[in-house]
PDB file of N, CA and C in Angstrom:
ATOM      1  N   MET A   1      30.547 -38.152  67.193  1.00  0.00           N
ATOM      2  CA  MET A   1      31.941 -37.747  67.166  1.00  0.00           C
ATOM      3  C   MET A   1      32.708 -38.717  66.254  1.00  0.00           C
ATOM      4  N   ASN A   2      33.640 -38.147  65.543  1.00  0.00           N
ATOM      5  CA  ASN A   2      34.450 -38.935  64.613  1.00  0.00           C
ATOM      6  C   ASN A   2      35.927 -38.760  64.918  1.00  0.00           C
ATOM      7  N   LEU A   3      36.699 -39.684  64.420  1.00  0.00           N
ATOM      8  CA  LEU A   3      38.142 -39.639  64.567  1.00  0.00           C
ATOM      9  C   LEU A   3      38.741 -38.972  63.331  1.00  0.00           C
ATOM     10  N   TYR A   4      39.586 -37.986  63.550  1.00  0.00           N
ATOM     11  CA  TYR A   4      40.259 -37.272  62.462  1.00  0.00           C
ATOM     12  C   TYR A   4      41.765 -37.467  62.607  1.00  0.00           C
ATOM     13  N   THR A   5      42.391 -37.835  61.512  1.00  0.00           N
ATOM     14  CA  THR A   5      43.843 -37.965  61.482  1.00  0.00           C
ATOM     15  C   THR A   5      44.406 -36.734  60.796  1.00  0.00           C
ATOM     16  N   ILE A   6      45.323 -36.065  61.484  1.00  0.00           N
ATOM     17  CA  ILE A   6      45.933 -34.846  60.956  1.00  0.00           C
ATOM     18  C   ILE A   6      47.361 -35.182  60.548  1.00  0.00           C
ATOM     19  N   ILE A   7      47.689 -34.898  59.303  1.00  0.00           N
ATOM     20  CA  ILE A   7      49.011 -35.170  58.756  1.00  0.00           C
ATOM     21  C   ILE A   7      49.673 -33.824  58.480  1.00  0.00           C
ATOM     22  N   PHE A   8      50.750 -33.563  59.182  1.00  0.00           N
ATOM     23  CA  PHE A   8      51.442 -32.270  59.127  1.00  0.00           C
ATOM     24  C   PHE A   8      52.848 -32.486  58.589  1.00  0.00           C
ATOM     25  N   GLU A   9      53.105 -31.956  57.406  1.00  0.00           N
ATOM     26  CA  GLU A   9      54.438 -32.013  56.809  1.00  0.00           C
ATOM     27  C   GLU A   9      55.115 -30.684  57.084  1.00  0.00           C
ATOM     28  N   TYR A  10      56.223 -30.740  57.840  1.00  0.00           N
ATOM     29  CA  TYR A  10      56.852 -29.511  58.306  1.00  0.00           C
ATOM     30  C   TYR A  10      58.360 -29.674  58.377  1.00  0.00           C
ATOM     31  N   ARG A  11      59.051 -28.831  57.641  1.00  0.00           N
ATOM     32  CA  ARG A  11      60.515 -28.774  57.645  1.00  0.00           C
ATOM     33  C   ARG A  11      61.182 -30.140  57.517  1.00  0.00           C
ATOM     34  N   GLY A  12      60.710 -30.904  56.531  1.00  0.00           N
ATOM     35  CA  GLY A  12      61.328 -32.184  56.219  1.00  0.00           C
ATOM     36  C   GLY A  12      60.793 -33.373  57.005  1.00  0.00           C
ATOM     37  N   GLY A  13      59.870 -33.145  57.930  1.00  0.00           N
ATOM     38  CA  GLY A  13      59.295 -34.244  58.702  1.00  0.00           C
ATOM     39  C   GLY A  13      57.809 -34.369  58.445  1.00  0.00           C
ATOM     40  N   THR A  14      57.292 -35.564  58.678  1.00  0.00           N
ATOM     41  CA  THR A  14      55.861 -35.802  58.592  1.00  0.00           C
ATOM     42  C   THR A  14      55.385 -36.225  59.967  1.00  0.00           C
ATOM     43  N   TYR A  15      54.417 -35.497  60.501  1.00  0.00           N
ATOM     44  CA  TYR A  15      53.935 -35.705  61.863  1.00  0.00           C
ATOM     45  C   TYR A  15      52.447 -36.033  61.801  1.00  0.00           C
ATOM     46  N   ILE A  16      52.064 -37.123  62.449  1.00  0.00           N
ATOM     47  CA  ILE A  16      50.683 -37.591  62.375  1.00  0.00           C
ATOM     48  C   ILE A  16      50.115 -37.659  63.787  1.00  0.00           C
ATOM     49  N   SER A  17      48.926 -37.086  63.942  1.00  0.00           N
ATOM     50  CA  SER A  17      48.233 -37.176  65.219  1.00  0.00           C
ATOM     51  C   SER A  17      46.746 -37.316  64.957  1.00  0.00           C
ATOM     52  N   GLN A  18      45.991 -37.609  66.009  1.00  0.00           N
ATOM     53  CA  GLN A  18      44.558 -37.818  65.851  1.00  0.00           C
ATOM     54  C   GLN A  18      43.778 -37.036  66.894  1.00  0.00           C
ATOM     55  N   GLU A  19      42.581 -36.621  66.501  1.00  0.00           N
ATOM     56  CA  GLU A  19      41.668 -35.905  67.384  1.00  0.00           C
ATOM     57  C   GLU A  19      40.268 -36.472  67.195  1.00  0.00           C
ATOM     58  N   ILE A  20      39.510 -36.515  68.265  1.00  0.00           N
ATOM     59  CA  ILE A  20      38.100 -36.877  68.192  1.00  0.00           C
ATOM     60  C   ILE A  20      37.313 -35.575  68.247  1.00  0.00           C
ATOM     61  N   ALA A  21      36.465 -35.371  67.228  1.00  0.00           N
ATOM     62  CA  ALA A  21      35.742 -34.098  67.120  1.00  0.00           C
ATOM     63  C   ALA A  21      34.440 -34.302  66.366  1.00  0.00           C
ATOM     64  N   LYS A  22      33.575 -33.276  66.439  1.00  0.00           N
ATOM     65  CA  LYS A  22      32.286 -33.364  65.745  1.00  0.00           C
ATOM     66  C   LYS A  22      32.399 -33.004  64.272  1.00  0.00           C
ATOM     67  N   ASN A  23      33.450 -32.240  63.894  1.00  0.00           N
ATOM     68  CA  ASN A  23      33.628 -31.879  62.480  1.00  0.00           C
ATOM     69  C   ASN A  23      35.094 -31.534  62.215  1.00  0.00           C
ATOM     70  N   VAL A  24      35.410 -31.349  60.958  1.00  0.00           N
ATOM     71  CA  VAL A  24      36.797 -31.129  60.557  1.00  0.00           C
ATOM     72  C   VAL A  24      37.367 -29.828  61.137  1.00  0.00           C
ATOM     73  N   ASN A  25      36.558 -28.791  61.215  1.00  0.00           N
ATOM     74  CA  ASN A  25      37.047 -27.521  61.763  1.00  0.00           C
ATOM     75  C   ASN A  25      37.428 -27.654  63.239  1.00  0.00           C
ATOM     76  N   THR A  26      36.573 -28.345  63.995  1.00  0.00           N
ATOM     77  CA  THR A  26      36.870 -28.568  65.407  1.00  0.00           C
ATOM     78  C   THR A  26      38.114 -29.434  65.565  1.00  0.00           C
ATOM     79  N   ALA A  27      38.256 -30.433  64.708  1.00  0.00           N
ATOM     80  CA  ALA A  27      39.448 -31.293  64.756  1.00  0.00           C
ATOM     81  C   ALA A  27      40.717 -30.473  64.538  1.00  0.00           C
ATOM     82  N   LEU A  28      40.677 -29.555  63.590  1.00  0.00           N
ATOM     83  CA  LEU A  28      41.845 -28.713  63.321  1.00  0.00           C
ATOM     84  C   LEU A  28      42.159 -27.829  64.527  1.00  0.00           C
ATOM     85  N   SER A  29      41.143 -27.254  65.134  1.00  0.00           N
ATOM     86  CA  SER A  29      41.349 -26.420  66.322  1.00  0.00           C
ATOM     87  C   SER A  29      41.940 -27.229  67.472  1.00  0.00           C
ATOM     88  N   LEU A  30      41.388 -28.410  67.705  1.00  0.00           N
ATOM     89  CA  LEU A  30      41.902 -29.272  68.777  1.00  0.00           C
ATOM     90  C   LEU A  30      43.346 -29.676  68.521  1.00  0.00           C
ATOM     91  N   TRP A  31      43.645 -29.978  67.273  1.00  0.00           N
ATOM     92  CA  TRP A  31      45.020 -30.346  66.927  1.00  0.00           C
ATOM     93  C   TRP A  31      45.980 -29.219  67.294  1.00  0.00           C
ATOM     94  N   GLY A  32      45.624 -27.989  66.942  1.00  0.00           N
ATOM     95  CA  GLY A  32      46.473 -26.850  67.276  1.00  0.00           C
ATOM     96  C   GLY A  32      46.680 -26.702  68.768  1.00  0.00           C
ATOM     97  N   GLU A  33      45.614 -26.890  69.535  1.00  0.00           N
ATOM     98  CA  GLU A  33      45.701 -26.775  70.992  1.00  0.00           C
ATOM     99  C   GLU A  33      46.544 -27.892  71.601  1.00  0.00           C
ATOM    100  N   ASN A  34      46.480 -29.089  70.996  1.00  0.00           N
ATOM    101  CA  ASN A  34      47.118 -30.263  71.583  1.00  0.00           C
ATOM    102  C   ASN A  34      48.489 -30.604  71.023  1.00  0.00           C
ATOM    103  N   ILE A  35      49.013 -29.797  70.127  1.00  0.00           N
ATOM    104  CA  ILE A  35      50.330 -30.086  69.555  1.00  0.00           C
ATOM    105  C   ILE A  35      51.363 -30.230  70.673  1.00  0.00           C
ATOM    106  N   ASN A  36      52.104 -31.327  70.599  1.00  0.00           N
ATOM    107  CA  ASN A  36      53.193 -31.545  71.544  1.00  0.00           C
ATOM    108  C   ASN A  36      54.472 -31.011  70.898  1.00  0.00           C
ATOM    109  N   THR A  37      54.964 -29.890  71.412  1.00  0.00           N
ATOM    110  CA  THR A  37      56.127 -29.236  70.797  1.00  0.00           C
ATOM    111  C   THR A  37      57.392 -30.077  70.915  1.00  0.00           C
ATOM    112  N   ASP A  38      57.406 -31.053  71.810  1.00  0.00           N
ATOM    113  CA  ASP A  38      58.575 -31.933  71.938  1.00  0.00           C
ATOM    114  C   ASP A  38      58.644 -32.956  70.816  1.00  0.00           C
ATOM    115  N   GLU A  39      57.523 -33.194  70.159  1.00  0.00           N
ATOM    116  CA  GLU A  39      57.472 -34.214  69.107  1.00  0.00           C
ATOM    117  C   GLU A  39      57.707 -33.664  67.704  1.00  0.00           C
ATOM    118  N   ILE A  40      57.642 -32.353  67.536  1.00  0.00           N
ATOM    119  CA  ILE A  40      57.802 -31.764  66.205  1.00  0.00           C
ATOM    120  C   ILE A  40      59.081 -30.943  66.178  1.00  0.00           C
ATOM    121  N   LEU A  41      60.014 -31.398  65.384  1.00  0.00           N
ATOM    122  CA  LEU A  41      61.311 -30.751  65.264  1.00  0.00           C
ATOM    123  C   LEU A  41      61.152 -29.301  64.811  1.00  0.00           C
ATOM    124  N   TYR A  42      61.847 -28.406  65.471  1.00  0.00           N
ATOM    125  CA  TYR A  42      61.860 -26.956  65.170  1.00  0.00           C
ATOM    126  C   TYR A  42      60.573 -26.231  65.578  1.00  0.00           C
ATOM    127  N   LEU A  43      59.709 -26.894  66.347  1.00  0.00           N
ATOM    128  CA  LEU A  43      58.469 -26.239  66.763  1.00  0.00           C
ATOM    129  C   LEU A  43      58.500 -26.057  68.279  1.00  0.00           C
ATOM    130  N   GLY A  44      58.717 -24.838  68.709  1.00  0.00           N
ATOM    131  CA  GLY A  44      58.736 -24.529  70.134  1.00  0.00           C
ATOM    132  C   GLY A  44      57.418 -23.919  70.574  1.00  0.00           C
ATOM    133  N   LYS A  45      57.380 -23.489  71.824  1.00  0.00           N
ATOM    134  CA  LYS A  45      56.145 -22.928  72.384  1.00  0.00           C
ATOM    135  C   LYS A  45      55.720 -21.641  71.675  1.00  0.00           C
ATOM    136  N   ALA A  46      56.677 -20.822  71.282  1.00  0.00           N
ATOM    137  CA  ALA A  46      56.329 -19.571  70.588  1.00  0.00           C
ATOM    138  C   ALA A  46      55.683 -19.870  69.238  1.00  0.00           C
ATOM    139  N   LEU A  47      56.207 -20.872  68.529  1.00  0.00           N
ATOM    140  CA  LEU A  47      55.628 -21.221  67.231  1.00  0.00           C
ATOM    141  C   LEU A  47      54.285 -21.930  67.395  1.00  0.00           C
ATOM    142  N   LYS A  48      54.092 -22.645  68.512  1.00  0.00           N
ATOM    143  CA  LYS A  48      52.790 -23.272  68.759  1.00  0.00           C
ATOM    144  C   LYS A  48      51.709 -22.191  68.851  1.00  0.00           C
ATOM    145  N   LYS A  49      52.040 -21.097  69.502  1.00  0.00           N
ATOM    146  CA  LYS A  49      51.079 -19.995  69.595  1.00  0.00           C
ATOM    147  C   LYS A  49      50.777 -19.450  68.200  1.00  0.00           C
ATOM    148  N   LYS A  50      51.815 -19.333  67.367  1.00  0.00           N
ATOM    149  CA  LYS A  50      51.618 -18.854  65.994  1.00  0.00           C
ATOM    150  C   LYS A  50      50.754 -19.831  65.197  1.00  0.00           C
ATOM    151  N   VAL A  51      50.943 -21.138  65.409  1.00  0.00           N
ATOM    152  CA  VAL A  51      50.120 -22.151  64.741  1.00  0.00           C
ATOM    153  C   VAL A  51      48.658 -21.915  65.074  1.00  0.00           C
ATOM    154  N   ASN A  52      48.360 -21.703  66.354  1.00  0.00           N
ATOM    155  CA  ASN A  52      46.971 -21.488  66.763  1.00  0.00           C
ATOM    156  C   ASN A  52      46.390 -20.203  66.192  1.00  0.00           C
ATOM    157  N   ASN A  53      47.204 -19.165  66.082  1.00  0.00           N
ATOM    158  CA  ASN A  53      46.739 -17.926  65.440  1.00  0.00           C
ATOM    159  C   ASN A  53      46.432 -18.165  63.965  1.00  0.00           C
ATOM    160  N   GLU A  54      47.300 -18.924  63.293  1.00  0.00           N
ATOM    161  CA  GLU A  54      47.075 -19.225  61.880  1.00  0.00           C
ATOM    162  C   GLU A  54      45.819 -20.083  61.693  1.00  0.00           C
ATOM    163  N   ILE A  55      45.610 -21.033  62.602  1.00  0.00           N
ATOM    164  CA  ILE A  55      44.412 -21.875  62.511  1.00  0.00           C
ATOM    165  C   ILE A  55      43.157 -21.017  62.649  1.00  0.00           C
ATOM    166  N   SER A  56      43.169 -20.077  63.575  1.00  0.00           N
ATOM    167  CA  SER A  56      42.015 -19.175  63.737  1.00  0.00           C
ATOM    168  C   SER A  56      41.727 -18.429  62.443  1.00  0.00           C
ATOM    169  N   ASP A  57      42.776 -17.920  61.807  1.00  0.00           N
ATOM    170  CA  ASP A  57      42.603 -17.210  60.532  1.00  0.00           C
ATOM    171  C   ASP A  57      42.111 -18.141  59.435  1.00  0.00           C
ATOM    172  N   ILE A  58      42.672 -19.346  59.386  1.00  0.00           N
ATOM    173  CA  ILE A  58      42.267 -20.318  58.368  1.00  0.00           C
ATOM    174  C   ILE A  58      40.788 -20.634  58.508  1.00  0.00           C
ATOM    175  N   LEU A  59      40.351 -20.908  59.730  1.00  0.00           N
ATOM    176  CA  LEU A  59      38.953 -21.279  59.934  1.00  0.00           C
ATOM    177  C   LEU A  59      38.010 -20.124  59.625  1.00  0.00           C
ATOM    178  N   LYS A  60      38.501 -18.909  59.798  1.00  0.00           N
ATOM    179  CA  LYS A  60      37.679 -17.733  59.536  1.00  0.00           C
ATOM    180  C   LYS A  60      37.600 -17.422  58.035  1.00  0.00           C
ATOM    181  N   TYR A  61      38.745 -17.529  57.347  1.00  0.00           N
ATOM    182  CA  TYR A  61      38.821 -17.060  55.957  1.00  0.00           C
ATOM    183  C   TYR A  61      39.020 -18.166  54.912  1.00  0.00           C
ATOM    184  N   TYR A  62      39.705 -19.218  55.260  1.00  0.00           N
ATOM    185  CA  TYR A  62      40.054 -20.272  54.296  1.00  0.00           C
ATOM    186  C   TYR A  62      39.856 -21.647  54.932  1.00  0.00           C
ATOM    187  N   PRO A  63      38.624 -22.059  55.202  1.00  0.00           N
ATOM    188  CA  PRO A  63      38.398 -23.334  55.882  1.00  0.00           C
ATOM    189  C   PRO A  63      38.938 -24.512  55.072  1.00  0.00           C
ATOM    190  N   PRO A  64      39.132 -25.655  55.738  1.00  0.00           N
ATOM    191  CA  PRO A  64      39.634 -26.841  55.028  1.00  0.00           C
ATOM    192  C   PRO A  64      38.813 -27.135  53.778  1.00  0.00           C
ATOM    193  N   VAL A  65      39.504 -27.539  52.728  1.00  0.00           N
ATOM    194  CA  VAL A  65      38.875 -27.810  51.430  1.00  0.00           C
ATOM    195  C   VAL A  65      38.783 -29.320  51.244  1.00  0.00           C
ATOM    196  N   LYS A  66      37.586 -29.789  50.959  1.00  0.00           N
ATOM    197  CA  LYS A  66      37.374 -31.215  50.720  1.00  0.00           C
ATOM    198  C   LYS A  66      38.077 -31.601  49.415  1.00  0.00           C
ATOM    199  N   LEU A  67      38.837 -32.680  49.444  1.00  0.00           N
ATOM    200  CA  LEU A  67      39.566 -33.130  48.264  1.00  0.00           C
ATOM    201  C   LEU A  67      38.624 -33.879  47.316  1.00  0.00           C
ATOM    202  N   VAL A  68      38.802 -33.648  46.047  1.00  0.00           N
ATOM    203  CA  VAL A  68      37.970 -34.263  45.020  1.00  0.00           C
ATOM    204  C   VAL A  68      38.506 -35.661  44.707  1.00  0.00           C
ATOM    205  N   GLY A  69      37.602 -36.615  44.553  1.00  0.00           N
ATOM    206  CA  GLY A  69      37.996 -37.959  44.142  1.00  0.00           C
ATOM    207  C   GLY A  69      38.279 -38.913  45.286  1.00  0.00           C
ATOM    208  N   VAL A  70      38.269 -38.417  46.518  1.00  0.00           N
ATOM    209  CA  VAL A  70      38.458 -39.267  47.697  1.00  0.00           C
ATOM    210  C   VAL A  70      37.417 -38.878  48.741  1.00  0.00           C
ATOM    211  N   LYS A  71      37.095 -39.790  49.625  1.00  0.00           N
ATOM    212  CA  LYS A  71      36.085 -39.517  50.639  1.00  0.00           C
ATOM    213  C   LYS A  71      36.742 -39.098  51.952  1.00  0.00           C
ATOM    214  N   ASN A  72      36.096 -38.143  52.613  1.00  0.00           N
ATOM    215  CA  ASN A  72      36.464 -37.744  53.975  1.00  0.00           C
ATOM    216  C   ASN A  72      37.910 -37.264  54.111  1.00  0.00           C
ATOM    217  N   CYS A  73      38.399 -36.524  53.130  1.00  0.00           N
ATOM    218  CA  CYS A  73      39.757 -35.975  53.154  1.00  0.00           C
ATOM    219  C   CYS A  73      39.722 -34.488  52.836  1.00  0.00           C
ATOM    220  N   TRP A  74      40.512 -33.707  53.589  1.00  0.00           N
ATOM    221  CA  TRP A  74      40.579 -32.260  53.408  1.00  0.00           C
ATOM    222  C   TRP A  74      42.018 -31.812  53.356  1.00  0.00           C
ATOM    223  N   CYS A  75      42.220 -30.720  52.656  1.00  0.00           N
ATOM    224  CA  CYS A  75      43.510 -30.037  52.622  1.00  0.00           C
ATOM    225  C   CYS A  75      43.330 -28.705  53.336  1.00  0.00           C
ATOM    226  N   VAL A  76      44.267 -28.384  54.194  1.00  0.00           N
ATOM    227  CA  VAL A  76      44.193 -27.112  54.915  1.00  0.00           C
ATOM    228  C   VAL A  76      45.100 -26.088  54.270  1.00  0.00           C
ATOM    229  N   GLY A  77      46.151 -26.540  53.616  1.00  0.00           N
ATOM    230  CA  GLY A  77      47.084 -25.592  53.025  1.00  0.00           C
ATOM    231  C   GLY A  77      48.255 -25.367  53.947  1.00  0.00           C
ATOM    232  N   SER A  78      48.707 -24.162  54.013  1.00  0.00           N
ATOM    233  CA  SER A  78      49.957 -23.860  54.696  1.00  0.00           C
ATOM    234  C   SER A  78      49.746 -23.365  56.125  1.00  0.00           C
ATOM    235  N   ILE A  79      50.419 -24.015  57.053  1.00  0.00           N
ATOM    236  CA  ILE A  79      50.543 -23.556  58.435  1.00  0.00           C
ATOM    237  C   ILE A  79      52.033 -23.558  58.732  1.00  0.00           C
ATOM    238  N   LEU A  80      52.571 -22.391  59.056  1.00  0.00           N
ATOM    239  CA  LEU A  80      54.024 -22.223  59.270  1.00  0.00           C
ATOM    240  C   LEU A  80      54.815 -22.755  58.084  1.00  0.00           C
ATOM    241  N   SER A  81      54.315 -22.561  56.898  1.00  0.00           N
ATOM    242  CA  SER A  81      54.933 -23.063  55.661  1.00  0.00           C
ATOM    243  C   SER A  81      54.960 -24.585  55.611  1.00  0.00           C
ATOM    244  N   GLY A  82      54.192 -25.209  56.455  1.00  0.00           N
ATOM    245  CA  GLY A  82      54.026 -26.657  56.410  1.00  0.00           C
ATOM    246  C   GLY A  82      52.704 -26.970  55.734  1.00  0.00           C
ATOM    247  N   PHE A  83      52.484 -28.215  55.421  1.00  0.00           N
ATOM    248  CA  PHE A  83      51.291 -28.626  54.692  1.00  0.00           C
ATOM    249  C   PHE A  83      50.455 -29.530  55.581  1.00  0.00           C
ATOM    250  N   VAL A  84      49.140 -29.324  55.627  1.00  0.00           N
ATOM    251  CA  VAL A  84      48.262 -30.089  56.506  1.00  0.00           C
ATOM    252  C   VAL A  84      47.153 -30.765  55.702  1.00  0.00           C
ATOM    253  N   ASN A  85      46.981 -32.064  55.935  1.00  0.00           N
ATOM    254  CA  ASN A  85      45.852 -32.820  55.405  1.00  0.00           C
ATOM    255  C   ASN A  85      45.118 -33.444  56.578  1.00  0.00           C
ATOM    256  N   ILE A  86      43.802 -33.603  56.414  1.00  0.00           N
ATOM    257  CA  ILE A  86      42.983 -34.204  57.475  1.00  0.00           C
ATOM    258  C   ILE A  86      42.141 -35.300  56.849  1.00  0.00           C
ATOM    259  N   VAL A  87      42.089 -36.454  57.532  1.00  0.00           N
ATOM    260  CA  VAL A  87      41.303 -37.598  57.084  1.00  0.00           C
ATOM    261  C   VAL A  87      40.339 -37.976  58.198  1.00  0.00           C
ATOM    262  N   GLU A  88      39.057 -38.091  57.849  1.00  0.00           N
ATOM    263  CA  GLU A  88      38.037 -38.471  58.832  1.00  0.00           C
ATOM    264  C   GLU A  88      37.766 -39.968  58.756  1.00  0.00           C
ATOM    265  N   THR A  89      37.707 -40.604  59.939  1.00  0.00           N
ATOM    266  CA  THR A  89      37.353 -42.009  60.044  1.00  0.00           C
ATOM    267  C   THR A  89      36.171 -42.113  60.977  1.00  0.00           C
ATOM    268  N   LYS A  90      35.093 -42.653  60.521  1.00  0.00           N
ATOM    269  CA  LYS A  90      33.917 -42.818  61.382  1.00  0.00           C
ATOM    270  C   LYS A  90      34.209 -43.902  62.400  1.00  0.00           C
ATOM    271  N   GLN A  91      33.830 -43.634  63.657  1.00  0.00           N
ATOM    272  CA  GLN A  91      34.042 -44.631  64.709  1.00  0.00           C
ATOM    273  C   GLN A  91      32.817 -45.481  64.907  1.00  0.00           C
TER     274      GLN A  91
END
């Protein structure tokens, strides 16, 4: 299991959280499930559900893309018009 840092840029804020997972896809899924709606401005429970629906679609059709020139970094693209990057740190 590795530690993944998820960086979510959304509506003018940058929100950082971490998940322990076996791979980047699982980390993204866990992040969606564990989002604390009280910590992200303009993100309520209804939008959290939409985030999880978007993550399901992303993992099915557009999985995280490994960034070129850096190690253990992925770009997810747009979730709720926000931008998501994931960084893996081996424990």
